[in-house]
Amino acid sequence: MPRIDAHQHYWRYHPQHYPWIDERMRVLRQDFDP
């Protein structure tokens, strides 16, 4: 039987906490809330 991984990740983006997120990953430069 196939399995579905249905977990979700929520976070608040703060540039000083995530300096590794550069311009190439700009889609991540936002909050992800429910």
Protein backbone atom coordinates (compact mmCIF):
# COMPACT_ATOMS: atom_id res chain seq x y z
CA MET A 1 0.00 0.00 0.00
CA PRO A 2 1.42 3.47 -0.89
CA ARG A 3 2.15 5.90 1.92
CA ILE A 4 1.63 9.63 1.90
CA ASP A 5 3.84 11.86 4.01
CA ALA A 6 1.37 14.56 5.07
CA HIS A 7 3.46 16.51 7.59
CA GLN A 8 3.75 20.28 7.27
CA HIS A 9 6.36 22.85 8.23
CA TYR A 10 5.40 26.23 9.69
CA TRP A 11 7.81 29.01 10.41
CA ARG A 12 8.29 32.75 10.72
CA TYR A 13 11.02 34.15 8.57
CA HIS A 14 13.55 36.43 10.24
CA PRO A 15 16.56 37.33 8.06
CA GLN A 16 18.93 37.50 11.02
CA HIS A 17 18.00 33.93 12.01
CA TYR A 18 18.36 32.52 8.50
CA PRO A 19 21.36 34.20 6.85
CA TRP A 20 21.87 31.15 4.64
CA ILE A 21 18.66 31.94 2.71
CA ASP A 22 20.04 33.94 -0.17
CA GLU A 23 18.46 35.43 -3.28
CA ARG A 24 18.38 32.04 -5.01
CA MET A 25 15.99 30.83 -2.31
CA ARG A 26 13.84 33.97 -2.17
CA VAL A 27 10.65 31.88 -2.20
CA LEU A 28 11.53 30.93 1.40
CA ARG A 29 11.77 34.55 2.51
CA GLN A 30 8.28 34.66 3.90
CA ASP A 31 6.25 33.32 6.81
CA PHE A 32 4.58 29.95 6.45
CA ASP A 33 1.69 29.77 8.91
CA PRO A 34 -1.44 27.65 9.04
